Amino acid sequence: MVRDKLAAMSDWTAENVHHAIQATADELEVGMGKVGMPLRVAVTGAGQSPALDVTVHAIGKSRSVERINKALAFIAERESQQS
């Protein structure tokens, strides 16, 4: 969900990144941390970073989406190995 929102974003600003993350949390009816922490790990590879919206914005749209895709592929691969 958040990956699709970020990928579709035409005006790449930290504020719009924040809105995409918040909108995803709202749609899923969860807190920001439930969306933000997995996103932070996917994009930065770490559990801590400066403000997530600023970090994702600074990394850039294409790199952020690419890193999210790699994280999702890694998770899918791990799940298939455990089955």
PDB file of N, CA and C in Angstrom:
ATOM      1  N   MET A   1       0.816  -1.194   0.000  1.00  0.00           N
ATOM      2  CA  MET A   1       0.000   0.000   0.000  1.00  0.00           C
ATOM      3  C   MET A   1       0.860   1.259   0.000  1.00  0.00           C
ATOM      4  N   VAL A   2       1.759   1.362   0.973  1.00  0.00           N
ATOM      5  CA  VAL A   2       2.577   2.569   1.040  1.00  0.00           C
ATOM      6  C   VAL A   2       3.527   2.626  -0.156  1.00  0.00           C
ATOM      7  N   ARG A   3       4.014   1.475  -0.588  1.00  0.00           N
ATOM      8  CA  ARG A   3       4.889   1.455  -1.766  1.00  0.00           C
ATOM      9  C   ARG A   3       4.160   2.020  -2.979  1.00  0.00           C
ATOM     10  N   ASP A   4       2.920   1.610  -3.169  1.00  0.00           N
ATOM     11  CA  ASP A   4       2.150   2.094  -4.312  1.00  0.00           C
ATOM     12  C   ASP A   4       1.906   3.595  -4.221  1.00  0.00           C
ATOM     13  N   LYS A   5       1.633   4.082  -3.025  1.00  0.00           N
ATOM     14  CA  LYS A   5       1.417   5.520  -2.844  1.00  0.00           C
ATOM     15  C   LYS A   5       2.696   6.294  -3.159  1.00  0.00           C
ATOM     16  N   LEU A   6       3.827   5.792  -2.677  1.00  0.00           N
ATOM     17  CA  LEU A   6       5.098   6.470  -2.935  1.00  0.00           C
ATOM     18  C   LEU A   6       5.443   6.418  -4.424  1.00  0.00           C
ATOM     19  N   ALA A   7       5.238   5.270  -5.043  1.00  0.00           N
ATOM     20  CA  ALA A   7       5.564   5.117  -6.462  1.00  0.00           C
ATOM     21  C   ALA A   7       4.712   6.020  -7.342  1.00  0.00           C
ATOM     22  N   ALA A   8       3.470   6.246  -6.939  1.00  0.00           N
ATOM     23  CA  ALA A   8       2.553   7.060  -7.743  1.00  0.00           C
ATOM     24  C   ALA A   8       2.727   8.559  -7.505  1.00  0.00           C
ATOM     25  N   MET A   9       3.501   8.923  -6.522  1.00  0.00           N
ATOM     26  CA  MET A   9       3.640  10.326  -6.147  1.00  0.00           C
ATOM     27  C   MET A   9       4.350  11.122  -7.245  1.00  0.00           C
ATOM     28  N   SER A  10       3.716  12.200  -7.689  1.00  0.00           N
ATOM     29  CA  SER A  10       4.335  13.037  -8.718  1.00  0.00           C
ATOM     30  C   SER A  10       5.098  14.211  -8.114  1.00  0.00           C
ATOM     31  N   ASP A  11       4.703  14.652  -6.930  1.00  0.00           N
ATOM     32  CA  ASP A  11       5.377  15.767  -6.260  1.00  0.00           C
ATOM     33  C   ASP A  11       6.112  15.209  -5.045  1.00  0.00           C
ATOM     34  N   TRP A  12       7.382  14.869  -5.219  1.00  0.00           N
ATOM     35  CA  TRP A  12       8.167  14.185  -4.195  1.00  0.00           C
ATOM     36  C   TRP A  12       8.692  15.187  -3.177  1.00  0.00           C
ATOM     37  N   THR A  13       7.949  15.343  -2.102  1.00  0.00           N
ATOM     38  CA  THR A  13       8.359  16.207  -0.997  1.00  0.00           C
ATOM     39  C   THR A  13       8.258  15.411   0.298  1.00  0.00           C
ATOM     40  N   ALA A  14       8.989  15.840   1.313  1.00  0.00           N
ATOM     41  CA  ALA A  14       8.915  15.171   2.614  1.00  0.00           C
ATOM     42  C   ALA A  14       7.490  15.224   3.157  1.00  0.00           C
ATOM     43  N   GLU A  15       6.811  16.334   2.939  1.00  0.00           N
ATOM     44  CA  GLU A  15       5.428  16.466   3.410  1.00  0.00           C
ATOM     45  C   GLU A  15       4.516  15.447   2.730  1.00  0.00           C
ATOM     46  N   ASN A  16       4.665  15.283   1.429  1.00  0.00           N
ATOM     47  CA  ASN A  16       3.833  14.313   0.712  1.00  0.00           C
ATOM     48  C   ASN A  16       4.178  12.876   1.102  1.00  0.00           C
ATOM     49  N   VAL A  17       5.453  12.620   1.366  1.00  0.00           N
ATOM     50  CA  VAL A  17       5.851  11.297   1.854  1.00  0.00           C
ATOM     51  C   VAL A  17       5.167  11.034   3.190  1.00  0.00           C
ATOM     52  N   HIS A  18       5.182  12.024   4.070  1.00  0.00           N
ATOM     53  CA  HIS A  18       4.512  11.891   5.368  1.00  0.00           C
ATOM     54  C   HIS A  18       3.028  11.586   5.180  1.00  0.00           C
ATOM     55  N   HIS A  19       2.383  12.320   4.280  1.00  0.00           N
ATOM     56  CA  HIS A  19       0.952  12.100   4.036  1.00  0.00           C
ATOM     57  C   HIS A  19       0.688  10.685   3.514  1.00  0.00           C
ATOM     58  N   ALA A  20       1.571  10.171   2.667  1.00  0.00           N
ATOM     59  CA  ALA A  20       1.400   8.813   2.136  1.00  0.00           C
ATOM     60  C   ALA A  20       1.513   7.775   3.248  1.00  0.00           C
ATOM     61  N   ILE A  21       2.472   7.966   4.140  1.00  0.00           N
ATOM     62  CA  ILE A  21       2.643   7.034   5.254  1.00  0.00           C
ATOM     63  C   ILE A  21       1.447   7.116   6.190  1.00  0.00           C
ATOM     64  N   GLN A  22       1.026   8.332   6.514  1.00  0.00           N
ATOM     65  CA  GLN A  22      -0.106   8.523   7.419  1.00  0.00           C
ATOM     66  C   GLN A  22      -1.391   7.969   6.811  1.00  0.00           C
ATOM     67  N   ALA A  23      -1.600   8.200   5.517  1.00  0.00           N
ATOM     68  CA  ALA A  23      -2.803   7.699   4.846  1.00  0.00           C
ATOM     69  C   ALA A  23      -2.842   6.171   4.877  1.00  0.00           C
ATOM     70  N   THR A  24      -1.687   5.545   4.705  1.00  0.00           N
ATOM     71  CA  THR A  24      -1.622   4.084   4.760  1.00  0.00           C
ATOM     72  C   THR A  24      -1.977   3.586   6.156  1.00  0.00           C
ATOM     73  N   ALA A  25      -1.412   4.217   7.173  1.00  0.00           N
ATOM     74  CA  ALA A  25      -1.731   3.834   8.555  1.00  0.00           C
ATOM     75  C   ALA A  25      -3.218   4.016   8.833  1.00  0.00           C
ATOM     76  N   ASP A  26      -3.774   5.124   8.362  1.00  0.00           N
ATOM     77  CA  ASP A  26      -5.202   5.384   8.566  1.00  0.00           C
ATOM     78  C   ASP A  26      -6.061   4.326   7.874  1.00  0.00           C
ATOM     79  N   GLU A  27      -5.708   3.984   6.633  1.00  0.00           N
ATOM     80  CA  GLU A  27      -6.474   2.984   5.883  1.00  0.00           C
ATOM     81  C   GLU A  27      -6.418   1.614   6.555  1.00  0.00           C
ATOM     82  N   LEU A  28      -5.276   1.295   7.127  1.00  0.00           N
ATOM     83  CA  LEU A  28      -5.113   0.004   7.800  1.00  0.00           C
ATOM     84  C   LEU A  28      -5.624   0.032   9.236  1.00  0.00           C
ATOM     85  N   GLU A  29      -5.996   1.218   9.683  1.00  0.00           N
ATOM     86  CA  GLU A  29      -6.478   1.430  11.051  1.00  0.00           C
ATOM     87  C   GLU A  29      -5.453   0.975  12.081  1.00  0.00           C
ATOM     88  N   VAL A  30      -4.203   1.387  11.856  1.00  0.00           N
ATOM     89  CA  VAL A  30      -3.107   1.106  12.780  1.00  0.00           C
ATOM     90  C   VAL A  30      -2.351   2.405  13.043  1.00  0.00           C
ATOM     91  N   GLY A  31      -1.501   2.388  14.046  1.00  0.00           N
ATOM     92  CA  GLY A  31      -0.680   3.551  14.339  1.00  0.00           C
ATOM     93  C   GLY A  31       0.443   3.702  13.327  1.00  0.00           C
ATOM     94  N   MET A  32       1.038   4.885  13.317  1.00  0.00           N
ATOM     95  CA  MET A  32       2.133   5.168  12.384  1.00  0.00           C
ATOM     96  C   MET A  32       3.293   4.188  12.547  1.00  0.00           C
ATOM     97  N   GLY A  33       3.559   3.763  13.769  1.00  0.00           N
ATOM     98  CA  GLY A  33       4.671   2.848  14.004  1.00  0.00           C
ATOM     99  C   GLY A  33       4.523   1.519  13.298  1.00  0.00           C
ATOM    100  N   LYS A  34       3.294   1.050  13.147  1.00  0.00           N
ATOM    101  CA  LYS A  34       3.044  -0.231  12.481  1.00  0.00           C
ATOM    102  C   LYS A  34       3.363  -0.162  10.992  1.00  0.00           C
ATOM    103  N   VAL A  35       3.316   1.022  10.426  1.00  0.00           N
ATOM    104  CA  VAL A  35       3.681   1.224   9.022  1.00  0.00           C
ATOM    105  C   VAL A  35       5.108   1.756   8.942  1.00  0.00           C
ATOM    106  N   GLY A  36       5.420   2.687   9.821  1.00  0.00           N
ATOM    107  CA  GLY A  36       6.704   3.375   9.765  1.00  0.00           C
ATOM    108  C   GLY A  36       7.904   2.491  10.037  1.00  0.00           C
ATOM    109  N   MET A  37       7.819   1.627  11.042  1.00  0.00           N
ATOM    110  CA  MET A  37       8.987   0.811  11.383  1.00  0.00           C
ATOM    111  C   MET A  37       9.359  -0.162  10.266  1.00  0.00           C
ATOM    112  N   PRO A  38       8.419  -0.926   9.723  1.00  0.00           N
ATOM    113  CA  PRO A  38       8.800  -1.795   8.601  1.00  0.00           C
ATOM    114  C   PRO A  38       9.307  -0.997   7.393  1.00  0.00           C
ATOM    115  N   LEU A  39       8.698   0.158   7.155  1.00  0.00           N
ATOM    116  CA  LEU A  39       9.149   0.998   6.045  1.00  0.00           C
ATOM    117  C   LEU A  39      10.564   1.495   6.303  1.00  0.00           C
ATOM    118  N   ARG A  40      10.841   1.925   7.524  1.00  0.00           N
ATOM    119  CA  ARG A  40      12.178   2.411   7.888  1.00  0.00           C
ATOM    120  C   ARG A  40      13.226   1.316   7.658  1.00  0.00           C
ATOM    121  N   VAL A  41      12.929   0.101   8.115  1.00  0.00           N
ATOM    122  CA  VAL A  41      13.874  -1.004   7.949  1.00  0.00           C
ATOM    123  C   VAL A  41      14.059  -1.330   6.470  1.00  0.00           C
ATOM    124  N   ALA A  42      12.975  -1.329   5.713  1.00  0.00           N
ATOM    125  CA  ALA A  42      13.064  -1.632   4.278  1.00  0.00           C
ATOM    126  C   ALA A  42      13.901  -0.598   3.537  1.00  0.00           C
ATOM    127  N   VAL A  43      13.720   0.662   3.874  1.00  0.00           N
ATOM    128  CA  VAL A  43      14.377   1.732   3.118  1.00  0.00           C
ATOM    129  C   VAL A  43      15.794   2.002   3.613  1.00  0.00           C
ATOM    130  N   THR A  44      16.013   1.929   4.933  1.00  0.00           N
ATOM    131  CA  THR A  44      17.330   2.286   5.472  1.00  0.00           C
ATOM    132  C   THR A  44      18.157   1.084   5.901  1.00  0.00           C
ATOM    133  N   GLY A  45      17.496  -0.044   6.156  1.00  0.00           N
ATOM    134  CA  GLY A  45      18.212  -1.205   6.663  1.00  0.00           C
ATOM    135  C   GLY A  45      18.492  -1.127   8.153  1.00  0.00           C
ATOM    136  N   ALA A  46      17.897  -0.146   8.818  1.00  0.00           N
ATOM    137  CA  ALA A  46      18.134   0.051  10.249  1.00  0.00           C
ATOM    138  C   ALA A  46      16.823   0.329  10.967  1.00  0.00           C
ATOM    139  N   GLY A  47      16.833   0.119  12.255  1.00  0.00           N
ATOM    140  CA  GLY A  47      15.647   0.374  13.064  1.00  0.00           C
ATOM    141  C   GLY A  47      15.536   1.806  13.544  1.00  0.00           C
ATOM    142  N   GLN A  48      16.592   2.585  13.340  1.00  0.00           N
ATOM    143  CA  GLN A  48      16.573   3.987  13.746  1.00  0.00           C
ATOM    144  C   GLN A  48      17.108   4.843  12.613  1.00  0.00           C
ATOM    145  N   SER A  49      16.522   6.018  12.481  1.00  0.00           N
ATOM    146  CA  SER A  49      16.974   6.986  11.481  1.00  0.00           C
ATOM    147  C   SER A  49      16.369   8.328  11.851  1.00  0.00           C
ATOM    148  N   PRO A  50      16.808   9.380  11.183  1.00  0.00           N
ATOM    149  CA  PRO A  50      16.100  10.652  11.370  1.00  0.00           C
ATOM    150  C   PRO A  50      14.633  10.486  10.968  1.00  0.00           C
ATOM    151  N   ALA A  51      13.859  11.520  11.066  1.00  0.00           N
ATOM    152  CA  ALA A  51      12.431  11.461  10.734  1.00  0.00           C
ATOM    153  C   ALA A  51      12.230  10.682   9.435  1.00  0.00           C
ATOM    154  N   LEU A  52      11.294   9.751   9.464  1.00  0.00           N
ATOM    155  CA  LEU A  52      11.110   8.835   8.337  1.00  0.00           C
ATOM    156  C   LEU A  52      10.756   9.556   7.048  1.00  0.00           C
ATOM    157  N   ASP A  53       9.852  10.530   7.119  1.00  0.00           N
ATOM    158  CA  ASP A  53       9.472  11.238   5.897  1.00  0.00           C
ATOM    159  C   ASP A  53      10.665  11.960   5.286  1.00  0.00           C
ATOM    160  N   VAL A  54      11.493  12.574   6.118  1.00  0.00           N
ATOM    161  CA  VAL A  54      12.683  13.282   5.637  1.00  0.00           C
ATOM    162  C   VAL A  54      13.694  12.289   5.073  1.00  0.00           C
ATOM    163  N   THR A  55      13.854  11.164   5.742  1.00  0.00           N
ATOM    164  CA  THR A  55      14.799  10.144   5.296  1.00  0.00           C
ATOM    165  C   THR A  55      14.395   9.561   3.949  1.00  0.00           C
ATOM    166  N   VAL A  56      13.139   9.169   3.822  1.00  0.00           N
ATOM    167  CA  VAL A  56      12.654   8.598   2.558  1.00  0.00           C
ATOM    168  C   VAL A  56      12.770   9.635   1.445  1.00  0.00           C
ATOM    169  N   HIS A  57      12.421  10.869   1.743  1.00  0.00           N
ATOM    170  CA  HIS A  57      12.538  11.938   0.748  1.00  0.00           C
ATOM    171  C   HIS A  57      13.987  12.102   0.304  1.00  0.00           C
ATOM    172  N   ALA A  58      14.918  12.110   1.260  1.00  0.00           N
ATOM    173  CA  ALA A  58      16.331  12.311   0.934  1.00  0.00           C
ATOM    174  C   ALA A  58      16.902  11.152   0.119  1.00  0.00           C
ATOM    175  N   ILE A  59      16.472   9.941   0.408  1.00  0.00           N
ATOM    176  CA  ILE A  59      16.956   8.777  -0.340  1.00  0.00           C
ATOM    177  C   ILE A  59      16.467   8.832  -1.781  1.00  0.00           C
ATOM    178  N   GLY A  60      15.298   9.398  -1.975  1.00  0.00           N
ATOM    179  CA  GLY A  60      14.757   9.556  -3.323  1.00  0.00           C
ATOM    180  C   GLY A  60      13.688   8.533  -3.643  1.00  0.00           C
ATOM    181  N   LYS A  61      12.838   8.909  -4.555  1.00  0.00           N
ATOM    182  CA  LYS A  61      11.686   8.080  -4.909  1.00  0.00           C
ATOM    183  C   LYS A  61      12.099   6.731  -5.482  1.00  0.00           C
ATOM    184  N   SER A  62      12.919   6.736  -6.514  1.00  0.00           N
ATOM    185  CA  SER A  62      13.240   5.472  -7.184  1.00  0.00           C
ATOM    186  C   SER A  62      14.019   4.539  -6.265  1.00  0.00           C
ATOM    187  N   ARG A  63      14.975   5.062  -5.510  1.00  0.00           N
ATOM    188  CA  ARG A  63      15.745   4.213  -4.598  1.00  0.00           C
ATOM    189  C   ARG A  63      14.874   3.691  -3.463  1.00  0.00           C
ATOM    190  N   SER A  64      13.984   4.528  -2.947  1.00  0.00           N
ATOM    191  CA  SER A  64      13.098   4.091  -1.858  1.00  0.00           C
ATOM    192  C   SER A  64      12.186   2.971  -2.324  1.00  0.00           C
ATOM    193  N   VAL A  65      11.551   3.160  -3.471  1.00  0.00           N
ATOM    194  CA  VAL A  65      10.641   2.137  -4.001  1.00  0.00           C
ATOM    195  C   VAL A  65      11.414   0.860  -4.324  1.00  0.00           C
ATOM    196  N   GLU A  66      12.600   1.000  -4.881  1.00  0.00           N
ATOM    197  CA  GLU A  66      13.431  -0.168  -5.190  1.00  0.00           C
ATOM    198  C   GLU A  66      13.783  -0.935  -3.914  1.00  0.00           C
ATOM    199  N   ARG A  67      14.135  -0.227  -2.865  1.00  0.00           N
ATOM    200  CA  ARG A  67      14.483  -0.877  -1.597  1.00  0.00           C
ATOM    201  C   ARG A  67      13.269  -1.565  -0.973  1.00  0.00           C
ATOM    202  N   ILE A  68      12.104  -0.946  -1.080  1.00  0.00           N
ATOM    203  CA  ILE A  68      10.878  -1.578  -0.576  1.00  0.00           C
ATOM    204  C   ILE A  68      10.614  -2.863  -1.357  1.00  0.00           C
ATOM    205  N   ASN A  69      10.761  -2.802  -2.678  1.00  0.00           N
ATOM    206  CA  ASN A  69      10.556  -3.996  -3.507  1.00  0.00           C
ATOM    207  C   ASN A  69      11.521  -5.113  -3.120  1.00  0.00           C
ATOM    208  N   LYS A  70      12.785  -4.766  -2.865  1.00  0.00           N
ATOM    209  CA  LYS A  70      13.768  -5.770  -2.459  1.00  0.00           C
ATOM    210  C   LYS A  70      13.405  -6.380  -1.112  1.00  0.00           C
ATOM    211  N   ALA A  71      12.938  -5.553  -0.185  1.00  0.00           N
ATOM    212  CA  ALA A  71      12.535  -6.060   1.131  1.00  0.00           C
ATOM    213  C   ALA A  71      11.351  -7.008   1.001  1.00  0.00           C
ATOM    214  N   LEU A  72      10.379  -6.648   0.175  1.00  0.00           N
ATOM    215  CA  LEU A  72       9.216  -7.513  -0.027  1.00  0.00           C
ATOM    216  C   LEU A  72       9.618  -8.831  -0.685  1.00  0.00           C
ATOM    217  N   ALA A  73      10.538  -8.772  -1.639  1.00  0.00           N
ATOM    218  CA  ALA A  73      11.020  -9.992  -2.293  1.00  0.00           C
ATOM    219  C   ALA A  73      11.762 -10.876  -1.292  1.00  0.00           C
ATOM    220  N   PHE A  74      12.552 -10.267  -0.423  1.00  0.00           N
ATOM    221  CA  PHE A  74      13.274 -11.013   0.612  1.00  0.00           C
ATOM    222  C   PHE A  74      12.297 -11.726   1.541  1.00  0.00           C
ATOM    223  N   ILE A  75      11.265 -11.015   1.960  1.00  0.00           N
ATOM    224  CA  ILE A  75      10.257 -11.600   2.853  1.00  0.00           C
ATOM    225  C   ILE A  75       9.539 -12.759   2.161  1.00  0.00           C
ATOM    226  N   ALA A  76       9.158 -12.559   0.906  1.00  0.00           N
ATOM    227  CA  ALA A  76       8.464 -13.613   0.152  1.00  0.00           C
ATOM    228  C   ALA A  76       9.356 -14.842   0.003  1.00  0.00           C
ATOM    229  N   GLU A  77      10.630 -14.628  -0.259  1.00  0.00           N
ATOM    230  CA  GLU A  77      11.574 -15.740  -0.401  1.00  0.00           C
ATOM    231  C   GLU A  77      11.710 -16.502   0.909  1.00  0.00           C
ATOM    232  N   ARG A  78      11.821 -15.778   2.004  1.00  0.00           N
ATOM    233  CA  ARG A  78      11.929 -16.423   3.325  1.00  0.00           C
ATOM    234  C   ARG A  78      10.674 -17.239   3.639  1.00  0.00           C
ATOM    235  N   GLU A  79       9.518 -16.685   3.317  1.00  0.00           N
ATOM    236  CA  GLU A  79       8.262 -17.399   3.569  1.00  0.00           C
ATOM    237  C   GLU A  79       8.186 -18.678   2.745  1.00  0.00           C
ATOM    238  N   SER A  80       8.636 -18.617   1.495  1.00  0.00           N
ATOM    239  CA  SER A  80       8.570 -19.805   0.638  1.00  0.00           C
ATOM    240  C   SER A  80       9.544 -20.882   1.115  1.00  0.00           C
ATOM    241  N   GLN A  81      10.648 -20.496   1.715  1.00  0.00           N
ATOM    242  CA  GLN A  81      11.616 -21.462   2.242  1.00  0.00           C
ATOM    243  C   GLN A  81      11.093 -22.155   3.494  1.00  0.00           C
ATOM    244  N   GLN A  82      10.218 -21.480   4.229  1.00  0.00           N
ATOM    245  CA  GLN A  82       9.696 -22.047   5.465  1.00  0.00           C
ATOM    246  C   GLN A  82       8.489 -22.948   5.223  1.00  0.00           C
ATOM    247  N   SER A  83       7.949 -22.912   4.025  1.00  0.00           N
ATOM    248  CA  SER A  83       6.757 -23.728   3.721  1.00  0.00           C
ATOM    249  C   SER A  83       7.122 -25.141   3.350  1.00  0.00           C
TER     250      SER A  83
END
